[in-house]
C-alpha atoms as a PDB file:
ATOM      1  CA  MET A   1      12.200  -0.308 -20.856  1.00  0.00           C
ATOM      2  CA  HIS A   2       9.694   0.304 -17.699  1.00  0.00           C
ATOM      3  CA  ARG A   3       8.906   4.033 -18.271  1.00  0.00           C
ATOM      4  CA  ILE A   4       8.722   6.249 -14.808  1.00  0.00           C
ATOM      5  CA  ALA A   5       6.831   9.502 -13.983  1.00  0.00           C
ATOM      6  CA  LEU A   6       7.677  10.989 -10.796  1.00  0.00           C
ATOM      7  CA  ILE A   7       5.232  14.074  -8.985  1.00  0.00           C
ATOM      8  CA  ASP A   8       7.116  16.053  -6.440  1.00  0.00           C
ATOM      9  CA  ASP A   9       7.058  19.566  -5.180  1.00  0.00           C
ATOM     10  CA  HIS A  10      10.480  19.620  -3.856  1.00  0.00           C
ATOM     11  CA  PRO A  11      13.453  19.463  -6.649  1.00  0.00           C
ATOM     12  CA  LEU A  12      16.278  18.119  -4.387  1.00  0.00           C
ATOM     13  CA  ILE A  13      13.682  14.656  -3.595  1.00  0.00           C
ATOM     14  CA  MET A  14      12.973  14.955  -7.478  1.00  0.00           C
ATOM     15  CA  LYS A  15      16.754  14.989  -8.247  1.00  0.00           C
ATOM     16  CA  GLY A  16      17.536  12.279  -5.832  1.00  0.00           C
ATOM     17  CA  LEU A  17      14.493  10.187  -7.136  1.00  0.00           C
ATOM     18  CA  ALA A  18      15.538  10.701 -10.475  1.00  0.00           C
ATOM     19  CA  GLY A  19      18.878   9.618 -10.028  1.00  0.00           C
ATOM     20  CA  ILE A  20      17.924   6.519  -8.362  1.00  0.00           C
ATOM     21  CA  LEU A  21      15.596   5.365 -10.639  1.00  0.00           C
ATOM     22  CA  GLU A  22      18.106   6.445 -13.626  1.00  0.00           C
ATOM     23  CA  ALA A  23      20.889   3.927 -12.542  1.00  0.00           C
ATOM     24  CA  GLU A  24      18.719   0.798 -13.332  1.00  0.00           C
ATOM     25  CA  LEU A  25      19.324  -0.383 -17.134  1.00  0.00           C
ATOM     26  CA  ASP A  26      15.947  -1.032 -17.206  1.00  0.00           C
ATOM     27  CA  LEU A  27      14.123   2.355 -15.800  1.00  0.00           C
ATOM     28  CA  THR A  28      13.855   5.631 -17.413  1.00  0.00           C
ATOM     29  CA  VAL A  29      12.607   8.736 -16.088  1.00  0.00           C
ATOM     30  CA  CYS A  30      10.240   9.842 -18.812  1.00  0.00           C
ATOM     31  CA  ALA A  31       8.758  12.774 -17.214  1.00  0.00           C
ATOM     32  CA  GLN A  32       9.123  14.838 -13.696  1.00  0.00           C
ATOM     33  CA  PHE A  33       6.040  17.547 -12.578  1.00  0.00           C
ATOM     34  CA  ASP A  34       5.646  19.816  -9.397  1.00  0.00           C
ATOM     35  CA  SER A  35       2.221  19.068  -9.190  1.00  0.00           C
ATOM     36  CA  ALA A  36      -1.318  17.176  -9.707  1.00  0.00           C
ATOM     37  CA  GLU A  37      -2.601  19.849 -12.438  1.00  0.00           C
ATOM     38  CA  ALA A  38       1.421  19.553 -14.241  1.00  0.00           C
ATOM     39  CA  ALA A  39       0.803  15.743 -14.323  1.00  0.00           C
ATOM     40  CA  LEU A  40      -2.667  15.373 -15.308  1.00  0.00           C
ATOM     41  CA  GLU A  41      -2.294  17.604 -18.261  1.00  0.00           C
ATOM     42  CA  GLY A  42       1.349  15.856 -19.270  1.00  0.00           C
ATOM     43  CA  ILE A  43       0.908  12.308 -18.480  1.00  0.00           C
ATOM     44  CA  HIS A  44      -0.838  11.191 -21.206  1.00  0.00           C
ATOM     45  CA  GLU A  45       2.224  12.187 -23.956  1.00  0.00           C
ATOM     46  CA  ALA A  46       4.833  11.470 -21.091  1.00  0.00           C
ATOM     47  CA  ALA A  47       2.677   7.424 -21.529  1.00  0.00           C
ATOM     48  CA  PRO A  48       4.273   6.343 -18.015  1.00  0.00           C
ATOM     49  CA  THR A  49       4.254   2.722 -17.254  1.00  0.00           C
ATOM     50  CA  LEU A  50       4.329   3.484 -12.907  1.00  0.00           C
ATOM     51  CA  VAL A  51       4.184   7.364 -11.619  1.00  0.00           C
ATOM     52  CA  VAL A  52       5.440   7.979  -8.188  1.00  0.00           C
ATOM     53  CA  THR A  53       3.830  10.544  -6.451  1.00  0.00           C
ATOM     54  CA  ASP A  54       4.729  12.416  -2.970  1.00  0.00           C
ATOM     55  CA  VAL A  55       0.964  12.291  -1.287  1.00  0.00           C
ATOM     56  CA  SER A  56       1.492  16.236   0.284  1.00  0.00           C
ATOM     57  CA  LEU A  57       0.793  18.353  -2.970  1.00  0.00           C
ATOM     58  CA  PRO A  58       0.117  22.183  -3.765  1.00  0.00           C
ATOM     59  CA  GLY A  59      -3.245  22.293  -5.283  1.00  0.00           C
ATOM     60  CA  ILE A  60      -4.653  18.776  -5.833  1.00  0.00           C
ATOM     61  CA  SER A  61      -3.495  16.397  -3.060  1.00  0.00           C
ATOM     62  CA  GLY A  62      -1.733  13.127  -3.750  1.00  0.00           C
ATOM     63  CA  ILE A  63      -4.689  11.024  -2.398  1.00  0.00           C
ATOM     64  CA  GLU A  64      -6.878  12.717  -5.117  1.00  0.00           C
ATOM     65  CA  LEU A  65      -4.189  12.418  -7.619  1.00  0.00           C
ATOM     66  CA  VAL A  66      -4.605   9.032  -7.180  1.00  0.00           C
ATOM     67  CA  LYS A  67      -8.313   8.237  -7.589  1.00  0.00           C
ATOM     68  CA  THR A  68      -8.316  10.770 -10.871  1.00  0.00           C
ATOM     69  CA  LEU A  69      -5.504   8.911 -12.471  1.00  0.00           C
ATOM     70  CA  LYS A  70      -7.038   5.218 -11.705  1.00  0.00           C
ATOM     71  CA  GLU A  71      -9.955   6.637 -13.335  1.00  0.00           C
ATOM     72  CA  ILE A  72      -8.491   8.011 -16.523  1.00  0.00           C
ATOM     73  CA  TYR A  73      -5.520   5.372 -17.011  1.00  0.00           C
ATOM     74  CA  PRO A  74      -6.189   1.819 -14.970  1.00  0.00           C
ATOM     75  CA  GLU A  75      -3.717   0.519 -16.444  1.00  0.00           C
ATOM     76  CA  VAL A  76      -0.630   2.543 -14.722  1.00  0.00           C
ATOM     77  CA  LYS A  77       0.752   2.102 -12.010  1.00  0.00           C
ATOM     78  CA  VAL A  78       1.127   4.445  -8.452  1.00  0.00           C
ATOM     79  CA  LEU A  79       3.433   4.277  -5.629  1.00  0.00           C
ATOM     80  CA  VAL A  80       3.043   6.534  -3.529  1.00  0.00           C
ATOM     81  CA  ILE A  81       6.070   8.447  -1.461  1.00  0.00           C
ATOM     82  CA  SER A  82       5.224  10.429   1.752  1.00  0.00           C
ATOM     83  CA  ARG A  83       7.635  11.657   4.955  1.00  0.00           C
ATOM     84  CA  LEU A  84       4.244  10.463   6.964  1.00  0.00           C
ATOM     85  CA  ASP A  85       4.941   7.082   8.981  1.00  0.00           C
ATOM     86  CA  GLU A  86       0.884   7.596   9.664  1.00  0.00           C
ATOM     87  CA  GLU A  87      -1.224   3.957   8.449  1.00  0.00           C
ATOM     88  CA  LEU A  88      -4.260   6.689   8.417  1.00  0.00           C
ATOM     89  CA  VAL A  89      -2.964   7.975   5.428  1.00  0.00           C
ATOM     90  CA  ALA A  90      -1.119   4.719   3.841  1.00  0.00           C
ATOM     91  CA  LYS A  91      -4.661   3.390   3.873  1.00  0.00           C
ATOM     92  CA  GLU A  92      -6.167   6.350   2.426  1.00  0.00           C
ATOM     93  CA  ALA A  93      -3.546   5.788  -0.576  1.00  0.00           C
ATOM     94  CA  ILE A  94      -4.488   1.920  -0.914  1.00  0.00           C
ATOM     95  CA  GLN A  95      -8.258   2.997  -0.967  1.00  0.00           C
ATOM     96  CA  ALA A  96      -7.695   5.229  -3.487  1.00  0.00           C
ATOM     97  CA  GLY A  97      -5.922   3.381  -5.962  1.00  0.00           C
ATOM     98  CA  ALA A  98      -2.298   3.451  -5.123  1.00  0.00           C
ATOM     99  CA  ASN A  99      -0.065  -0.094  -6.010  1.00  0.00           C
ATOM    100  CA  GLY A 100       2.443   1.341  -2.783  1.00  0.00           C
ATOM    101  CA  TYR A 101       2.733   3.680   0.209  1.00  0.00           C
ATOM    102  CA  MET A 102       6.619   4.408   0.640  1.00  0.00           C
ATOM    103  CA  MET A 103       8.507   6.311   3.401  1.00  0.00           C
ATOM    104  CA  LYS A 104      10.724   9.075   1.666  1.00  0.00           C
ATOM    105  CA  SER A 105      13.186   7.993   4.827  1.00  0.00           C
ATOM    106  CA  GLU A 106      13.549   4.698   3.229  1.00  0.00           C
ATOM    107  CA  SER A 107      17.007   3.427   1.632  1.00  0.00           C
ATOM    108  CA  PRO A 108      17.932   4.254  -2.393  1.00  0.00           C
ATOM    109  CA  GLU A 109      17.616  -0.046  -2.419  1.00  0.00           C
ATOM    110  CA  GLU A 110      14.074   0.122  -1.059  1.00  0.00           C
ATOM    111  CA  MET A 111      13.306   2.236  -3.424  1.00  0.00           C
ATOM    112  CA  VAL A 112      14.196   0.343  -6.209  1.00  0.00           C
ATOM    113  CA  LYS A 113      12.808  -3.034  -4.594  1.00  0.00           C
ATOM    114  CA  ALA A 114       9.071  -1.078  -4.015  1.00  0.00           C
ATOM    115  CA  VAL A 115       9.237   0.042  -7.913  1.00  0.00           C
ATOM    116  CA  ARG A 116       9.790  -3.017  -9.096  1.00  0.00           C
ATOM    117  CA  LYS A 117       7.758  -4.832  -6.330  1.00  0.00           C
ATOM    118  CA  VAL A 118       5.084  -2.453  -8.241  1.00  0.00           C
ATOM    119  CA  LEU A 119       5.574  -2.913 -11.805  1.00  0.00           C
ATOM    120  CA  LEU A 120       5.396  -6.479 -10.902  1.00  0.00           C
ATOM    121  CA  GLY A 121       1.471  -6.257  -9.455  1.00  0.00           C
ATOM    122  CA  GLY A 122       2.081  -6.544  -5.838  1.00  0.00           C
ATOM    123  CA  LEU A 123       1.376  -4.128  -3.103  1.00  0.00           C
ATOM    124  CA  TYR A 124       3.962  -2.110  -1.159  1.00  0.00           C
ATOM    125  CA  LEU A 125       4.222  -0.736   1.657  1.00  0.00           C
ATOM    126  CA  SER A 126       6.948   0.421   3.870  1.00  0.00           C
ATOM    127  CA  SER A 127       8.628  -1.942   6.478  1.00  0.00           C
ATOM    128  CA  ILE A 128       7.653   0.768   9.111  1.00  0.00           C
ATOM    129  CA  LEU A 129       4.155  -0.115   8.553  1.00  0.00           C
ATOM    130  CA  ASN A 130       3.213  -3.841   9.730  1.00  0.00           C
ATOM    131  CA  GLU A 131       2.628  -6.645   7.331  1.00  0.00           C
ATOM    132  CA  GLN A 132      -1.244  -7.200   8.587  1.00  0.00           C
ATOM    133  CA  LEU A 133      -2.421  -3.475   7.792  1.00  0.00           C
ATOM    134  CA  LEU A 134      -0.538  -4.586   4.407  1.00  0.00           C
ATOM    135  CA  LEU A 135      -3.068  -7.605   3.998  1.00  0.00           C
ATOM    136  CA  SER A 136      -6.019  -5.980   5.318  1.00  0.00           C
ATOM    137  CA  LEU A 137      -5.677  -3.207   2.997  1.00  0.00           C
ATOM    138  CA  ALA A 138      -5.417  -5.692   0.080  1.00  0.00           C
ATOM    139  CA  PHE A 139      -8.390  -7.357   1.234  1.00  0.00           C
ATOM    140  CA  ARG A 140     -10.280  -4.541   1.338  1.00  0.00           C
ATOM    141  CA  GLN A 141      -8.850  -3.326  -1.729  1.00  0.00           C
ATOM    142  CA  HIS A 142     -10.644  -6.289  -3.392  1.00  0.00           C
ATOM    143  CA  ASN A 143     -14.072  -6.065  -1.264  1.00  0.00           C
ATOM    144  CA  PHE A 144     -13.294  -8.487   0.980  1.00  0.00           C
ATOM    145  CA  VAL A 145     -15.002  -7.064   4.505  1.00  0.00           C
ATOM    146  CA  GLN A 146     -12.997 -10.026   6.615  1.00  0.00           C
ATOM    147  CA  PRO A 147      -9.853 -12.556   5.343  1.00  0.00           C
ATOM    148  CA  PRO A 148     -11.500 -15.822   3.649  1.00  0.00           C
ATOM    149  CA  GLU A 149     -10.158 -17.968   6.016  1.00  0.00           C
ATOM    150  CA  GLN A 150     -12.086 -16.223   8.979  1.00  0.00           C
ATOM    151  CA  LEU A 151     -15.270 -15.849   6.675  1.00  0.00           C
ATOM    152  CA  LEU A 152     -15.125 -19.277   5.113  1.00  0.00           C
ATOM    153  CA  SER A 153     -16.785 -22.314   6.366  1.00  0.00           C
ATOM    154  CA  GLY A 154     -13.572 -25.338   6.303  1.00  0.00           C
ATOM    155  CA  ARG A 155     -15.772 -26.737   2.759  1.00  0.00           C
ATOM    156  CA  GLU A 156     -16.156 -23.229   1.182  1.00  0.00           C
ATOM    157  CA  LEU A 157     -12.152 -22.341   1.990  1.00  0.00           C
ATOM    158  CA  GLU A 158     -11.502 -25.492  -0.012  1.00  0.00           C
ATOM    159  CA  ILE A 159     -13.273 -24.687  -2.466  1.00  0.00           C
ATOM    160  CA  PHE A 160     -12.442 -21.011  -2.415  1.00  0.00           C
ATOM    161  CA  VAL A 161      -8.825 -22.427  -2.884  1.00  0.00           C
ATOM    162  CA  MET A 162      -9.795 -24.509  -5.809  1.00  0.00           C
ATOM    163  CA  LEU A 163     -11.068 -21.572  -7.656  1.00  0.00           C
ATOM    164  CA  GLY A 164      -7.447 -19.690  -6.996  1.00  0.00           C
ATOM    165  CA  ASN A 165      -6.033 -22.933  -8.625  1.00  0.00           C
ATOM    166  CA  ALA A 166      -8.271 -22.582 -11.536  1.00  0.00           C
ATOM    167  CA  THR A 167     -10.123 -26.206 -10.497  1.00  0.00           C
ATOM    168  CA  THR A 168     -13.309 -26.808 -12.014  1.00  0.00           C
ATOM    169  CA  SER A 169     -16.558 -27.262 -10.999  1.00  0.00           C
ATOM    170  CA  ASN A 170     -16.612 -31.634 -12.410  1.00  0.00           C
ATOM    171  CA  GLU A 171     -13.049 -31.729 -10.519  1.00  0.00           C
ATOM    172  CA  MET A 172     -13.627 -30.389  -7.602  1.00  0.00           C
ATOM    173  CA  ALA A 173     -16.855 -32.219  -7.983  1.00  0.00           C
ATOM    174  CA  GLU A 174     -14.539 -35.582  -8.142  1.00  0.00           C
ATOM    175  CA  ARG A 175     -11.876 -34.354  -5.189  1.00  0.00           C
ATOM    176  CA  LEU A 176     -14.536 -33.569  -2.992  1.00  0.00           C
ATOM    177  CA  ASP A 177     -16.715 -36.641  -3.454  1.00  0.00           C
ATOM    178  CA  ILE A 178     -19.752 -34.325  -3.885  1.00  0.00           C
ATOM    179  CA  SER A 179     -21.975 -33.779  -6.996  1.00  0.00           C
ATOM    180  CA  VAL A 180     -21.757 -30.867  -9.592  1.00  0.00           C
ATOM    181  CA  LYS A 181     -24.718 -29.187  -8.177  1.00  0.00           C
ATOM    182  CA  THR A 182     -23.307 -29.163  -4.377  1.00  0.00           C
ATOM    183  CA  VAL A 183     -20.311 -27.356  -5.658  1.00  0.00           C
ATOM    184  CA  GLU A 184     -22.450 -24.970  -7.401  1.00  0.00           C
ATOM    185  CA  SER A 185     -24.628 -24.449  -4.354  1.00  0.00           C
ATOM    186  CA  TYR A 186     -20.786 -23.879  -2.219  1.00  0.00           C
ATOM    187  CA  ILE A 187     -19.861 -21.482  -4.882  1.00  0.00           C
ATOM    188  CA  ALA A 188     -22.674 -19.391  -4.587  1.00  0.00           C
ATOM    189  CA  ARG A 189     -22.732 -18.886  -1.354  1.00  0.00           C
ATOM    190  CA  ILE A 190     -19.158 -17.977  -1.597  1.00  0.00           C
ATOM    191  CA  LYS A 191     -19.842 -15.070  -3.719  1.00  0.00           C
ATOM    192  CA  GLN A 192     -22.486 -13.814  -1.202  1.00  0.00           C
ATOM    193  CA  LYS A 193     -20.133 -13.352   1.402  1.00  0.00           C
ATOM    194  CA  PHE A 194     -18.029 -11.668  -0.827  1.00  0.00           C
ATOM    195  CA  SER A 195     -20.701  -9.530  -2.662  1.00  0.00           C
ATOM    196  CA  VAL A 196     -19.289 -10.360  -5.663  1.00  0.00           C
ATOM    197  CA  SER A 197     -21.730 -11.767  -8.718  1.00  0.00           C
ATOM    198  CA  THR A 198     -19.971 -13.515 -11.085  1.00  0.00           C
ATOM    199  CA  LYS A 199     -17.633 -16.482 -11.078  1.00  0.00           C
ATOM    200  CA  ASN A 200     -14.673 -14.981 -12.832  1.00  0.00           C
ATOM    201  CA  GLU A 201     -14.669 -12.395 -10.515  1.00  0.00           C
ATOM    202  CA  LEU A 202     -14.262 -14.953  -7.442  1.00  0.00           C
ATOM    203  CA  MET A 203     -11.735 -16.287  -8.972  1.00  0.00           C
ATOM    204  CA  ARG A 204      -9.657 -12.897  -9.396  1.00  0.00           C
ATOM    205  CA  HIS A 205     -10.164 -12.836  -5.254  1.00  0.00           C
ATOM    206  CA  ALA A 206      -9.328 -15.972  -4.517  1.00  0.00           C
ATOM    207  CA  VAL A 207      -6.119 -16.178  -7.155  1.00  0.00           C
ATOM    208  CA  HIS A 208      -4.885 -12.445  -5.344  1.00  0.00           C
ATOM    209  CA  TRP A 209      -5.634 -14.406  -1.662  1.00  0.00           C
ATOM    210  CA  LEU A 210      -3.139 -17.043  -2.524  1.00  0.00           C
ATOM    211  CA  SER A 211      -0.814 -14.502  -3.846  1.00  0.00           C
ATOM    212  CA  THR A 212      -0.667 -12.855  -0.171  1.00  0.00           C
ATOM    213  CA  PRO A 213       2.149 -13.587   1.910  1.00  0.00           C
ATOM    214  CA  GLY A 214       1.632 -16.876   3.662  1.00  0.00           C
ATOM    215  CA  HIS A 215      -0.421 -18.358   1.581  1.00  0.00           C
ATOM    216  CA  SER A 216       0.649 -21.745  -0.472  1.00  0.00           C
ATOM    217  CA  THR A 217      -0.770 -21.745  -3.913  1.00  0.00           C
ATOM    218  CA  ALA A 218      -1.124 -25.562  -3.981  1.00  0.00           C
ATOM    219  CA  GLY A 219      -4.306 -27.850  -3.359  1.00  0.00           C
END
């Protein structure tokens, strides 16, 4: 059972959200708060899997709440909801650590879809915001200044894909008919381009990139 905490200062919207989510057999609303301050006091006891928060709150804003929640409870997923369809607001929410940004004008079915996508580890944006922004935000959240296909050479991209598929350096060397030392040199250059310090961190970026729309995990 996934536990969900709701944060909104409008009682009717809170009631509507709770009704939509409680209708799902595997979702339960474990807490409801009307401000960020109240949420920060009660989140620990509520122990939610997911927090759904309005971006416009009295006092501490929804964006600041996201930042604080992610610092204190990094494992908790956060879905931001808003009446605003501005890309700038969505961008700020995702950069603050939110796992999704949803318009309040979306249908109840879309709300459930958004919640499930975030719970599964995905990044959600309302359909009114274009997919390109979603991808660029995903890359930025993972320290990608540019998408890998634009930043890397052909051979570097091959190795990046193999990293995402958990291919060892020895296997890469055999497949590409180059030495292991050359493979490691390529990996070092890729790490430098993405400003990461470890091979494991680079692998996490590669796995994330391969899981985004339009990219195959084959290779």
